[in-house]
Amino acid sequence: ARLALVLVAVILVLDNLPGVEITE
């Protein structure tokens, strides 16, 4: 659960940064 939390948080933060394409 802790690993999943870290992974989800990092993905969501990166997805909201301008100019960052999470898929690439």
PDBML (XML) file of the C-alpha atoms, coordinates in Angstrom:
<?xml version="1.0" encoding="UTF-8" ?>
<PDBx:datablock datablockName="MODEL"
   xmlns:PDBx="http://pdbml.pdb.org/schema/pdbx-v50.xsd"
   xmlns:xsi="http://www.w3.org/2001/XMLSchema-instance"
   xsi:schemaLocation="http://pdbml.pdb.org/schema/pdbx-v50.xsd pdbx-v50.xsd">
   <PDBx:atom_siteCategory>
      <PDBx:atom_site id="1">
         <PDBx:B_iso_or_equiv>0.00</PDBx:B_iso_or_equiv>
         <PDBx:Cartn_x>0.000</PDBx:Cartn_x>
         <PDBx:Cartn_y>0.000</PDBx:Cartn_y>
         <PDBx:Cartn_z>0.000</PDBx:Cartn_z>
         <PDBx:auth_asym_id>A</PDBx:auth_asym_id>
         <PDBx:auth_atom_id>CA</PDBx:auth_atom_id>
         <PDBx:auth_comp_id>ALA</PDBx:auth_comp_id>
         <PDBx:auth_seq_id>1</PDBx:auth_seq_id>
         <PDBx:group_PDB>ATOM</PDBx:group_PDB>
         <PDBx:label_alt_id xsi:nil="true" />
         <PDBx:label_asym_id>A</PDBx:label_asym_id>
         <PDBx:label_atom_id>CA</PDBx:label_atom_id>
         <PDBx:label_comp_id>ALA</PDBx:label_comp_id>
         <PDBx:label_entity_id>1</PDBx:label_entity_id>
         <PDBx:label_seq_id>1</PDBx:label_seq_id>
         <PDBx:occupancy>1.00</PDBx:occupancy>
         <PDBx:pdbx_PDB_model_num>1</PDBx:pdbx_PDB_model_num>
         <PDBx:type_symbol>C</PDBx:type_symbol>
      </PDBx:atom_site>
      <PDBx:atom_site id="2">
         <PDBx:B_iso_or_equiv>0.00</PDBx:B_iso_or_equiv>
         <PDBx:Cartn_x>2.853</PDBx:Cartn_x>
         <PDBx:Cartn_y>2.427</PDBx:Cartn_y>
         <PDBx:Cartn_z>0.775</PDBx:Cartn_z>
         <PDBx:auth_asym_id>A</PDBx:auth_asym_id>
         <PDBx:auth_atom_id>CA</PDBx:auth_atom_id>
         <PDBx:auth_comp_id>ARG</PDBx:auth_comp_id>
         <PDBx:auth_seq_id>2</PDBx:auth_seq_id>
         <PDBx:group_PDB>ATOM</PDBx:group_PDB>
         <PDBx:label_alt_id xsi:nil="true" />
         <PDBx:label_asym_id>A</PDBx:label_asym_id>
         <PDBx:label_atom_id>CA</PDBx:label_atom_id>
         <PDBx:label_comp_id>ARG</PDBx:label_comp_id>
         <PDBx:label_entity_id>1</PDBx:label_entity_id>
         <PDBx:label_seq_id>2</PDBx:label_seq_id>
         <PDBx:occupancy>1.00</PDBx:occupancy>
         <PDBx:pdbx_PDB_model_num>1</PDBx:pdbx_PDB_model_num>
         <PDBx:type_symbol>C</PDBx:type_symbol>
      </PDBx:atom_site>
      <PDBx:atom_site id="3">
         <PDBx:B_iso_or_equiv>0.00</PDBx:B_iso_or_equiv>
         <PDBx:Cartn_x>4.570</PDBx:Cartn_x>
         <PDBx:Cartn_y>1.676</PDBx:Cartn_y>
         <PDBx:Cartn_z>-2.537</PDBx:Cartn_z>
         <PDBx:auth_asym_id>A</PDBx:auth_asym_id>
         <PDBx:auth_atom_id>CA</PDBx:auth_atom_id>
         <PDBx:auth_comp_id>LEU</PDBx:auth_comp_id>
         <PDBx:auth_seq_id>3</PDBx:auth_seq_id>
         <PDBx:group_PDB>ATOM</PDBx:group_PDB>
         <PDBx:label_alt_id xsi:nil="true" />
         <PDBx:label_asym_id>A</PDBx:label_asym_id>
         <PDBx:label_atom_id>CA</PDBx:label_atom_id>
         <PDBx:label_comp_id>LEU</PDBx:label_comp_id>
         <PDBx:label_entity_id>1</PDBx:label_entity_id>
         <PDBx:label_seq_id>3</PDBx:label_seq_id>
         <PDBx:occupancy>1.00</PDBx:occupancy>
         <PDBx:pdbx_PDB_model_num>1</PDBx:pdbx_PDB_model_num>
         <PDBx:type_symbol>C</PDBx:type_symbol>
      </PDBx:atom_site>
      <PDBx:atom_site id="4">
         <PDBx:B_iso_or_equiv>0.00</PDBx:B_iso_or_equiv>
         <PDBx:Cartn_x>1.286</PDBx:Cartn_x>
         <PDBx:Cartn_y>2.158</PDBx:Cartn_y>
         <PDBx:Cartn_z>-4.380</PDBx:Cartn_z>
         <PDBx:auth_asym_id>A</PDBx:auth_asym_id>
         <PDBx:auth_atom_id>CA</PDBx:auth_atom_id>
         <PDBx:auth_comp_id>ALA</PDBx:auth_comp_id>
         <PDBx:auth_seq_id>4</PDBx:auth_seq_id>
         <PDBx:group_PDB>ATOM</PDBx:group_PDB>
         <PDBx:label_alt_id xsi:nil="true" />
         <PDBx:label_asym_id>A</PDBx:label_asym_id>
         <PDBx:label_atom_id>CA</PDBx:label_atom_id>
         <PDBx:label_comp_id>ALA</PDBx:label_comp_id>
         <PDBx:label_entity_id>1</PDBx:label_entity_id>
         <PDBx:label_seq_id>4</PDBx:label_seq_id>
         <PDBx:occupancy>1.00</PDBx:occupancy>
         <PDBx:pdbx_PDB_model_num>1</PDBx:pdbx_PDB_model_num>
         <PDBx:type_symbol>C</PDBx:type_symbol>
      </PDBx:atom_site>
      <PDBx:atom_site id="5">
         <PDBx:B_iso_or_equiv>0.00</PDBx:B_iso_or_equiv>
         <PDBx:Cartn_x>0.719</PDBx:Cartn_x>
         <PDBx:Cartn_y>5.498</PDBx:Cartn_y>
         <PDBx:Cartn_z>-2.606</PDBx:Cartn_z>
         <PDBx:auth_asym_id>A</PDBx:auth_asym_id>
         <PDBx:auth_atom_id>CA</PDBx:auth_atom_id>
         <PDBx:auth_comp_id>LEU</PDBx:auth_comp_id>
         <PDBx:auth_seq_id>5</PDBx:auth_seq_id>
         <PDBx:group_PDB>ATOM</PDBx:group_PDB>
         <PDBx:label_alt_id xsi:nil="true" />
         <PDBx:label_asym_id>A</PDBx:label_asym_id>
         <PDBx:label_atom_id>CA</PDBx:label_atom_id>
         <PDBx:label_comp_id>LEU</PDBx:label_comp_id>
         <PDBx:label_entity_id>1</PDBx:label_entity_id>
         <PDBx:label_seq_id>5</PDBx:label_seq_id>
         <PDBx:occupancy>1.00</PDBx:occupancy>
         <PDBx:pdbx_PDB_model_num>1</PDBx:pdbx_PDB_model_num>
         <PDBx:type_symbol>C</PDBx:type_symbol>
      </PDBx:atom_site>
      <PDBx:atom_site id="6">
         <PDBx:B_iso_or_equiv>0.00</PDBx:B_iso_or_equiv>
         <PDBx:Cartn_x>4.162</PDBx:Cartn_x>
         <PDBx:Cartn_y>6.758</PDBx:Cartn_y>
         <PDBx:Cartn_z>-3.588</PDBx:Cartn_z>
         <PDBx:auth_asym_id>A</PDBx:auth_asym_id>
         <PDBx:auth_atom_id>CA</PDBx:auth_atom_id>
         <PDBx:auth_comp_id>VAL</PDBx:auth_comp_id>
         <PDBx:auth_seq_id>6</PDBx:auth_seq_id>
         <PDBx:group_PDB>ATOM</PDBx:group_PDB>
         <PDBx:label_alt_id xsi:nil="true" />
         <PDBx:label_asym_id>A</PDBx:label_asym_id>
         <PDBx:label_atom_id>CA</PDBx:label_atom_id>
         <PDBx:label_comp_id>VAL</PDBx:label_comp_id>
         <PDBx:label_entity_id>1</PDBx:label_entity_id>
         <PDBx:label_seq_id>6</PDBx:label_seq_id>
         <PDBx:occupancy>1.00</PDBx:occupancy>
         <PDBx:pdbx_PDB_model_num>1</PDBx:pdbx_PDB_model_num>
         <PDBx:type_symbol>C</PDBx:type_symbol>
      </PDBx:atom_site>
      <PDBx:atom_site id="7">
         <PDBx:B_iso_or_equiv>0.00</PDBx:B_iso_or_equiv>
         <PDBx:Cartn_x>3.713</PDBx:Cartn_x>
         <PDBx:Cartn_y>5.630</PDBx:Cartn_y>
         <PDBx:Cartn_z>-7.187</PDBx:Cartn_z>
         <PDBx:auth_asym_id>A</PDBx:auth_asym_id>
         <PDBx:auth_atom_id>CA</PDBx:auth_atom_id>
         <PDBx:auth_comp_id>LEU</PDBx:auth_comp_id>
         <PDBx:auth_seq_id>7</PDBx:auth_seq_id>
         <PDBx:group_PDB>ATOM</PDBx:group_PDB>
         <PDBx:label_alt_id xsi:nil="true" />
         <PDBx:label_asym_id>A</PDBx:label_asym_id>
         <PDBx:label_atom_id>CA</PDBx:label_atom_id>
         <PDBx:label_comp_id>LEU</PDBx:label_comp_id>
         <PDBx:label_entity_id>1</PDBx:label_entity_id>
         <PDBx:label_seq_id>7</PDBx:label_seq_id>
         <PDBx:occupancy>1.00</PDBx:occupancy>
         <PDBx:pdbx_PDB_model_num>1</PDBx:pdbx_PDB_model_num>
         <PDBx:type_symbol>C</PDBx:type_symbol>
      </PDBx:atom_site>
      <PDBx:atom_site id="8">
         <PDBx:B_iso_or_equiv>0.00</PDBx:B_iso_or_equiv>
         <PDBx:Cartn_x>0.256</PDBx:Cartn_x>
         <PDBx:Cartn_y>7.187</PDBx:Cartn_y>
         <PDBx:Cartn_z>-7.553</PDBx:Cartn_z>
         <PDBx:auth_asym_id>A</PDBx:auth_asym_id>
         <PDBx:auth_atom_id>CA</PDBx:auth_atom_id>
         <PDBx:auth_comp_id>VAL</PDBx:auth_comp_id>
         <PDBx:auth_seq_id>8</PDBx:auth_seq_id>
         <PDBx:group_PDB>ATOM</PDBx:group_PDB>
         <PDBx:label_alt_id xsi:nil="true" />
         <PDBx:label_asym_id>A</PDBx:label_asym_id>
         <PDBx:label_atom_id>CA</PDBx:label_atom_id>
         <PDBx:label_comp_id>VAL</PDBx:label_comp_id>
         <PDBx:label_entity_id>1</PDBx:label_entity_id>
         <PDBx:label_seq_id>8</PDBx:label_seq_id>
         <PDBx:occupancy>1.00</PDBx:occupancy>
         <PDBx:pdbx_PDB_model_num>1</PDBx:pdbx_PDB_model_num>
         <PDBx:type_symbol>C</PDBx:type_symbol>
      </PDBx:atom_site>
      <PDBx:atom_site id="9">
         <PDBx:B_iso_or_equiv>0.00</PDBx:B_iso_or_equiv>
         <PDBx:Cartn_x>1.349</PDBx:Cartn_x>
         <PDBx:Cartn_y>10.450</PDBx:Cartn_y>
         <PDBx:Cartn_z>-5.917</PDBx:Cartn_z>
         <PDBx:auth_asym_id>A</PDBx:auth_asym_id>
         <PDBx:auth_atom_id>CA</PDBx:auth_atom_id>
         <PDBx:auth_comp_id>ALA</PDBx:auth_comp_id>
         <PDBx:auth_seq_id>9</PDBx:auth_seq_id>
         <PDBx:group_PDB>ATOM</PDBx:group_PDB>
         <PDBx:label_alt_id xsi:nil="true" />
         <PDBx:label_asym_id>A</PDBx:label_asym_id>
         <PDBx:label_atom_id>CA</PDBx:label_atom_id>
         <PDBx:label_comp_id>ALA</PDBx:label_comp_id>
         <PDBx:label_entity_id>1</PDBx:label_entity_id>
         <PDBx:label_seq_id>9</PDBx:label_seq_id>
         <PDBx:occupancy>1.00</PDBx:occupancy>
         <PDBx:pdbx_PDB_model_num>1</PDBx:pdbx_PDB_model_num>
         <PDBx:type_symbol>C</PDBx:type_symbol>
      </PDBx:atom_site>
      <PDBx:atom_site id="10">
         <PDBx:B_iso_or_equiv>0.00</PDBx:B_iso_or_equiv>
         <PDBx:Cartn_x>4.391</PDBx:Cartn_x>
         <PDBx:Cartn_y>10.767</PDBx:Cartn_y>
         <PDBx:Cartn_z>-8.189</PDBx:Cartn_z>
         <PDBx:auth_asym_id>A</PDBx:auth_asym_id>
         <PDBx:auth_atom_id>CA</PDBx:auth_atom_id>
         <PDBx:auth_comp_id>VAL</PDBx:auth_comp_id>
         <PDBx:auth_seq_id>10</PDBx:auth_seq_id>
         <PDBx:group_PDB>ATOM</PDBx:group_PDB>
         <PDBx:label_alt_id xsi:nil="true" />
         <PDBx:label_asym_id>A</PDBx:label_asym_id>
         <PDBx:label_atom_id>CA</PDBx:label_atom_id>
         <PDBx:label_comp_id>VAL</PDBx:label_comp_id>
         <PDBx:label_entity_id>1</PDBx:label_entity_id>
         <PDBx:label_seq_id>10</PDBx:label_seq_id>
         <PDBx:occupancy>1.00</PDBx:occupancy>
         <PDBx:pdbx_PDB_model_num>1</PDBx:pdbx_PDB_model_num>
         <PDBx:type_symbol>C</PDBx:type_symbol>
      </PDBx:atom_site>
      <PDBx:atom_site id="11">
         <PDBx:B_iso_or_equiv>0.00</PDBx:B_iso_or_equiv>
         <PDBx:Cartn_x>2.324</PDBx:Cartn_x>
         <PDBx:Cartn_y>10.060</PDBx:Cartn_y>
         <PDBx:Cartn_z>-11.325</PDBx:Cartn_z>
         <PDBx:auth_asym_id>A</PDBx:auth_asym_id>
         <PDBx:auth_atom_id>CA</PDBx:auth_atom_id>
         <PDBx:auth_comp_id>ILE</PDBx:auth_comp_id>
         <PDBx:auth_seq_id>11</PDBx:auth_seq_id>
         <PDBx:group_PDB>ATOM</PDBx:group_PDB>
         <PDBx:label_alt_id xsi:nil="true" />
         <PDBx:label_asym_id>A</PDBx:label_asym_id>
         <PDBx:label_atom_id>CA</PDBx:label_atom_id>
         <PDBx:label_comp_id>ILE</PDBx:label_comp_id>
         <PDBx:label_entity_id>1</PDBx:label_entity_id>
         <PDBx:label_seq_id>11</PDBx:label_seq_id>
         <PDBx:occupancy>1.00</PDBx:occupancy>
         <PDBx:pdbx_PDB_model_num>1</PDBx:pdbx_PDB_model_num>
         <PDBx:type_symbol>C</PDBx:type_symbol>
      </PDBx:atom_site>
      <PDBx:atom_site id="12">
         <PDBx:B_iso_or_equiv>0.00</PDBx:B_iso_or_equiv>
         <PDBx:Cartn_x>-0.369</PDBx:Cartn_x>
         <PDBx:Cartn_y>12.585</PDBx:Cartn_y>
         <PDBx:Cartn_z>-10.347</PDBx:Cartn_z>
         <PDBx:auth_asym_id>A</PDBx:auth_asym_id>
         <PDBx:auth_atom_id>CA</PDBx:auth_atom_id>
         <PDBx:auth_comp_id>LEU</PDBx:auth_comp_id>
         <PDBx:auth_seq_id>12</PDBx:auth_seq_id>
         <PDBx:group_PDB>ATOM</PDBx:group_PDB>
         <PDBx:label_alt_id xsi:nil="true" />
         <PDBx:label_asym_id>A</PDBx:label_asym_id>
         <PDBx:label_atom_id>CA</PDBx:label_atom_id>
         <PDBx:label_comp_id>LEU</PDBx:label_comp_id>
         <PDBx:label_entity_id>1</PDBx:label_entity_id>
         <PDBx:label_seq_id>12</PDBx:label_seq_id>
         <PDBx:occupancy>1.00</PDBx:occupancy>
         <PDBx:pdbx_PDB_model_num>1</PDBx:pdbx_PDB_model_num>
         <PDBx:type_symbol>C</PDBx:type_symbol>
      </PDBx:atom_site>
      <PDBx:atom_site id="13">
         <PDBx:B_iso_or_equiv>0.00</PDBx:B_iso_or_equiv>
         <PDBx:Cartn_x>2.180</PDBx:Cartn_x>
         <PDBx:Cartn_y>15.294</PDBx:Cartn_y>
         <PDBx:Cartn_z>-9.555</PDBx:Cartn_z>
         <PDBx:auth_asym_id>A</PDBx:auth_asym_id>
         <PDBx:auth_atom_id>CA</PDBx:auth_atom_id>
         <PDBx:auth_comp_id>VAL</PDBx:auth_comp_id>
         <PDBx:auth_seq_id>13</PDBx:auth_seq_id>
         <PDBx:group_PDB>ATOM</PDBx:group_PDB>
         <PDBx:label_alt_id xsi:nil="true" />
         <PDBx:label_asym_id>A</PDBx:label_asym_id>
         <PDBx:label_atom_id>CA</PDBx:label_atom_id>
         <PDBx:label_comp_id>VAL</PDBx:label_comp_id>
         <PDBx:label_entity_id>1</PDBx:label_entity_id>
         <PDBx:label_seq_id>13</PDBx:label_seq_id>
         <PDBx:occupancy>1.00</PDBx:occupancy>
         <PDBx:pdbx_PDB_model_num>1</PDBx:pdbx_PDB_model_num>
         <PDBx:type_symbol>C</PDBx:type_symbol>
      </PDBx:atom_site>
      <PDBx:atom_site id="14">
         <PDBx:B_iso_or_equiv>0.00</PDBx:B_iso_or_equiv>
         <PDBx:Cartn_x>4.011</PDBx:Cartn_x>
         <PDBx:Cartn_y>14.747</PDBx:Cartn_y>
         <PDBx:Cartn_z>-12.841</PDBx:Cartn_z>
         <PDBx:auth_asym_id>A</PDBx:auth_asym_id>
         <PDBx:auth_atom_id>CA</PDBx:auth_atom_id>
         <PDBx:auth_comp_id>LEU</PDBx:auth_comp_id>
         <PDBx:auth_seq_id>14</PDBx:auth_seq_id>
         <PDBx:group_PDB>ATOM</PDBx:group_PDB>
         <PDBx:label_alt_id xsi:nil="true" />
         <PDBx:label_asym_id>A</PDBx:label_asym_id>
         <PDBx:label_atom_id>CA</PDBx:label_atom_id>
         <PDBx:label_comp_id>LEU</PDBx:label_comp_id>
         <PDBx:label_entity_id>1</PDBx:label_entity_id>
         <PDBx:label_seq_id>14</PDBx:label_seq_id>
         <PDBx:occupancy>1.00</PDBx:occupancy>
         <PDBx:pdbx_PDB_model_num>1</PDBx:pdbx_PDB_model_num>
         <PDBx:type_symbol>C</PDBx:type_symbol>
      </PDBx:atom_site>
      <PDBx:atom_site id="15">
         <PDBx:B_iso_or_equiv>0.00</PDBx:B_iso_or_equiv>
         <PDBx:Cartn_x>0.737</PDBx:Cartn_x>
         <PDBx:Cartn_y>14.692</PDBx:Cartn_y>
         <PDBx:Cartn_z>-14.755</PDBx:Cartn_z>
         <PDBx:auth_asym_id>A</PDBx:auth_asym_id>
         <PDBx:auth_atom_id>CA</PDBx:auth_atom_id>
         <PDBx:auth_comp_id>ASP</PDBx:auth_comp_id>
         <PDBx:auth_seq_id>15</PDBx:auth_seq_id>
         <PDBx:group_PDB>ATOM</PDBx:group_PDB>
         <PDBx:label_alt_id xsi:nil="true" />
         <PDBx:label_asym_id>A</PDBx:label_asym_id>
         <PDBx:label_atom_id>CA</PDBx:label_atom_id>
         <PDBx:label_comp_id>ASP</PDBx:label_comp_id>
         <PDBx:label_entity_id>1</PDBx:label_entity_id>
         <PDBx:label_seq_id>15</PDBx:label_seq_id>
         <PDBx:occupancy>1.00</PDBx:occupancy>
         <PDBx:pdbx_PDB_model_num>1</PDBx:pdbx_PDB_model_num>
         <PDBx:type_symbol>C</PDBx:type_symbol>
      </PDBx:atom_site>
      <PDBx:atom_site id="16">
         <PDBx:B_iso_or_equiv>0.00</PDBx:B_iso_or_equiv>
         <PDBx:Cartn_x>-0.141</PDBx:Cartn_x>
         <PDBx:Cartn_y>18.156</PDBx:Cartn_y>
         <PDBx:Cartn_z>-13.411</PDBx:Cartn_z>
         <PDBx:auth_asym_id>A</PDBx:auth_asym_id>
         <PDBx:auth_atom_id>CA</PDBx:auth_atom_id>
         <PDBx:auth_comp_id>ASN</PDBx:auth_comp_id>
         <PDBx:auth_seq_id>16</PDBx:auth_seq_id>
         <PDBx:group_PDB>ATOM</PDBx:group_PDB>
         <PDBx:label_alt_id xsi:nil="true" />
         <PDBx:label_asym_id>A</PDBx:label_asym_id>
         <PDBx:label_atom_id>CA</PDBx:label_atom_id>
         <PDBx:label_comp_id>ASN</PDBx:label_comp_id>
         <PDBx:label_entity_id>1</PDBx:label_entity_id>
         <PDBx:label_seq_id>16</PDBx:label_seq_id>
         <PDBx:occupancy>1.00</PDBx:occupancy>
         <PDBx:pdbx_PDB_model_num>1</PDBx:pdbx_PDB_model_num>
         <PDBx:type_symbol>C</PDBx:type_symbol>
      </PDBx:atom_site>
      <PDBx:atom_site id="17">
         <PDBx:B_iso_or_equiv>0.00</PDBx:B_iso_or_equiv>
         <PDBx:Cartn_x>3.198</PDBx:Cartn_x>
         <PDBx:Cartn_y>19.771</PDBx:Cartn_y>
         <PDBx:Cartn_z>-14.267</PDBx:Cartn_z>
         <PDBx:auth_asym_id>A</PDBx:auth_asym_id>
         <PDBx:auth_atom_id>CA</PDBx:auth_atom_id>
         <PDBx:auth_comp_id>LEU</PDBx:auth_comp_id>
         <PDBx:auth_seq_id>17</PDBx:auth_seq_id>
         <PDBx:group_PDB>ATOM</PDBx:group_PDB>
         <PDBx:label_alt_id xsi:nil="true" />
         <PDBx:label_asym_id>A</PDBx:label_asym_id>
         <PDBx:label_atom_id>CA</PDBx:label_atom_id>
         <PDBx:label_comp_id>LEU</PDBx:label_comp_id>
         <PDBx:label_entity_id>1</PDBx:label_entity_id>
         <PDBx:label_seq_id>17</PDBx:label_seq_id>
         <PDBx:occupancy>1.00</PDBx:occupancy>
         <PDBx:pdbx_PDB_model_num>1</PDBx:pdbx_PDB_model_num>
         <PDBx:type_symbol>C</PDBx:type_symbol>
      </PDBx:atom_site>
      <PDBx:atom_site id="18">
         <PDBx:B_iso_or_equiv>0.00</PDBx:B_iso_or_equiv>
         <PDBx:Cartn_x>3.023</PDBx:Cartn_x>
         <PDBx:Cartn_y>21.991</PDBx:Cartn_y>
         <PDBx:Cartn_z>-17.362</PDBx:Cartn_z>
         <PDBx:auth_asym_id>A</PDBx:auth_asym_id>
         <PDBx:auth_atom_id>CA</PDBx:auth_atom_id>
         <PDBx:auth_comp_id>PRO</PDBx:auth_comp_id>
         <PDBx:auth_seq_id>18</PDBx:auth_seq_id>
         <PDBx:group_PDB>ATOM</PDBx:group_PDB>
         <PDBx:label_alt_id xsi:nil="true" />
         <PDBx:label_asym_id>A</PDBx:label_asym_id>
         <PDBx:label_atom_id>CA</PDBx:label_atom_id>
         <PDBx:label_comp_id>PRO</PDBx:label_comp_id>
         <PDBx:label_entity_id>1</PDBx:label_entity_id>
         <PDBx:label_seq_id>18</PDBx:label_seq_id>
         <PDBx:occupancy>1.00</PDBx:occupancy>
         <PDBx:pdbx_PDB_model_num>1</PDBx:pdbx_PDB_model_num>
         <PDBx:type_symbol>C</PDBx:type_symbol>
      </PDBx:atom_site>
      <PDBx:atom_site id="19">
         <PDBx:B_iso_or_equiv>0.00</PDBx:B_iso_or_equiv>
         <PDBx:Cartn_x>4.758</PDBx:Cartn_x>
         <PDBx:Cartn_y>20.537</PDBx:Cartn_y>
         <PDBx:Cartn_z>-20.380</PDBx:Cartn_z>
         <PDBx:auth_asym_id>A</PDBx:auth_asym_id>
         <PDBx:auth_atom_id>CA</PDBx:auth_atom_id>
         <PDBx:auth_comp_id>GLY</PDBx:auth_comp_id>
         <PDBx:auth_seq_id>19</PDBx:auth_seq_id>
         <PDBx:group_PDB>ATOM</PDBx:group_PDB>
         <PDBx:label_alt_id xsi:nil="true" />
         <PDBx:label_asym_id>A</PDBx:label_asym_id>
         <PDBx:label_atom_id>CA</PDBx:label_atom_id>
         <PDBx:label_comp_id>GLY</PDBx:label_comp_id>
         <PDBx:label_entity_id>1</PDBx:label_entity_id>
         <PDBx:label_seq_id>19</PDBx:label_seq_id>
         <PDBx:occupancy>1.00</PDBx:occupancy>
         <PDBx:pdbx_PDB_model_num>1</PDBx:pdbx_PDB_model_num>
         <PDBx:type_symbol>C</PDBx:type_symbol>
      </PDBx:atom_site>
      <PDBx:atom_site id="20">
         <PDBx:B_iso_or_equiv>0.00</PDBx:B_iso_or_equiv>
         <PDBx:Cartn_x>5.160</PDBx:Cartn_x>
         <PDBx:Cartn_y>17.015</PDBx:Cartn_y>
         <PDBx:Cartn_z>-18.953</PDBx:Cartn_z>
         <PDBx:auth_asym_id>A</PDBx:auth_asym_id>
         <PDBx:auth_atom_id>CA</PDBx:auth_atom_id>
         <PDBx:auth_comp_id>VAL</PDBx:auth_comp_id>
         <PDBx:auth_seq_id>20</PDBx:auth_seq_id>
         <PDBx:group_PDB>ATOM</PDBx:group_PDB>
         <PDBx:label_alt_id xsi:nil="true" />
         <PDBx:label_asym_id>A</PDBx:label_asym_id>
         <PDBx:label_atom_id>CA</PDBx:label_atom_id>
         <PDBx:label_comp_id>VAL</PDBx:label_comp_id>
         <PDBx:label_entity_id>1</PDBx:label_entity_id>
         <PDBx:label_seq_id>20</PDBx:label_seq_id>
         <PDBx:occupancy>1.00</PDBx:occupancy>
         <PDBx:pdbx_PDB_model_num>1</PDBx:pdbx_PDB_model_num>
         <PDBx:type_symbol>C</PDBx:type_symbol>
      </PDBx:atom_site>
      <PDBx:atom_site id="21">
         <PDBx:B_iso_or_equiv>0.00</PDBx:B_iso_or_equiv>
         <PDBx:Cartn_x>3.611</PDBx:Cartn_x>
         <PDBx:Cartn_y>14.211</PDBx:Cartn_y>
         <PDBx:Cartn_z>-21.001</PDBx:Cartn_z>
         <PDBx:auth_asym_id>A</PDBx:auth_asym_id>
         <PDBx:auth_atom_id>CA</PDBx:auth_atom_id>
         <PDBx:auth_comp_id>GLU</PDBx:auth_comp_id>
         <PDBx:auth_seq_id>21</PDBx:auth_seq_id>
         <PDBx:group_PDB>ATOM</PDBx:group_PDB>
         <PDBx:label_alt_id xsi:nil="true" />
         <PDBx:label_asym_id>A</PDBx:label_asym_id>
         <PDBx:label_atom_id>CA</PDBx:label_atom_id>
         <PDBx:label_comp_id>GLU</PDBx:label_comp_id>
         <PDBx:label_entity_id>1</PDBx:label_entity_id>
         <PDBx:label_seq_id>21</PDBx:label_seq_id>
         <PDBx:occupancy>1.00</PDBx:occupancy>
         <PDBx:pdbx_PDB_model_num>1</PDBx:pdbx_PDB_model_num>
         <PDBx:type_symbol>C</PDBx:type_symbol>
      </PDBx:atom_site>
      <PDBx:atom_site id="22">
         <PDBx:B_iso_or_equiv>0.00</PDBx:B_iso_or_equiv>
         <PDBx:Cartn_x>3.112</PDBx:Cartn_x>
         <PDBx:Cartn_y>11.331</PDBx:Cartn_y>
         <PDBx:Cartn_z>-18.632</PDBx:Cartn_z>
         <PDBx:auth_asym_id>A</PDBx:auth_asym_id>
         <PDBx:auth_atom_id>CA</PDBx:auth_atom_id>
         <PDBx:auth_comp_id>ILE</PDBx:auth_comp_id>
         <PDBx:auth_seq_id>22</PDBx:auth_seq_id>
         <PDBx:group_PDB>ATOM</PDBx:group_PDB>
         <PDBx:label_alt_id xsi:nil="true" />
         <PDBx:label_asym_id>A</PDBx:label_asym_id>
         <PDBx:label_atom_id>CA</PDBx:label_atom_id>
         <PDBx:label_comp_id>ILE</PDBx:label_comp_id>
         <PDBx:label_entity_id>1</PDBx:label_entity_id>
         <PDBx:label_seq_id>22</PDBx:label_seq_id>
         <PDBx:occupancy>1.00</PDBx:occupancy>
         <PDBx:pdbx_PDB_model_num>1</PDBx:pdbx_PDB_model_num>
         <PDBx:type_symbol>C</PDBx:type_symbol>
      </PDBx:atom_site>
      <PDBx:atom_site id="23">
         <PDBx:B_iso_or_equiv>0.00</PDBx:B_iso_or_equiv>
         <PDBx:Cartn_x>2.579</PDBx:Cartn_x>
         <PDBx:Cartn_y>8.775</PDBx:Cartn_y>
         <PDBx:Cartn_z>-21.407</PDBx:Cartn_z>
         <PDBx:auth_asym_id>A</PDBx:auth_asym_id>
         <PDBx:auth_atom_id>CA</PDBx:auth_atom_id>
         <PDBx:auth_comp_id>THR</PDBx:auth_comp_id>
         <PDBx:auth_seq_id>23</PDBx:auth_seq_id>
         <PDBx:group_PDB>ATOM</PDBx:group_PDB>
         <PDBx:label_alt_id xsi:nil="true" />
         <PDBx:label_asym_id>A</PDBx:label_asym_id>
         <PDBx:label_atom_id>CA</PDBx:label_atom_id>
         <PDBx:label_comp_id>THR</PDBx:label_comp_id>
         <PDBx:label_entity_id>1</PDBx:label_entity_id>
         <PDBx:label_seq_id>23</PDBx:label_seq_id>
         <PDBx:occupancy>1.00</PDBx:occupancy>
         <PDBx:pdbx_PDB_model_num>1</PDBx:pdbx_PDB_model_num>
         <PDBx:type_symbol>C</PDBx:type_symbol>
      </PDBx:atom_site>
      <PDBx:atom_site id="24">
         <PDBx:B_iso_or_equiv>0.00</PDBx:B_iso_or_equiv>
         <PDBx:Cartn_x>5.949</PDBx:Cartn_x>
         <PDBx:Cartn_y>9.549</PDBx:Cartn_y>
         <PDBx:Cartn_z>-23.006</PDBx:Cartn_z>
         <PDBx:auth_asym_id>A</PDBx:auth_asym_id>
         <PDBx:auth_atom_id>CA</PDBx:auth_atom_id>
         <PDBx:auth_comp_id>GLU</PDBx:auth_comp_id>
         <PDBx:auth_seq_id>24</PDBx:auth_seq_id>
         <PDBx:group_PDB>ATOM</PDBx:group_PDB>
         <PDBx:label_alt_id xsi:nil="true" />
         <PDBx:label_asym_id>A</PDBx:label_asym_id>
         <PDBx:label_atom_id>CA</PDBx:label_atom_id>
         <PDBx:label_comp_id>GLU</PDBx:label_comp_id>
         <PDBx:label_entity_id>1</PDBx:label_entity_id>
         <PDBx:label_seq_id>24</PDBx:label_seq_id>
         <PDBx:occupancy>1.00</PDBx:occupancy>
         <PDBx:pdbx_PDB_model_num>1</PDBx:pdbx_PDB_model_num>
         <PDBx:type_symbol>C</PDBx:type_symbol>
      </PDBx:atom_site>
   </PDBx:atom_siteCategory>
</PDBx:datablock>
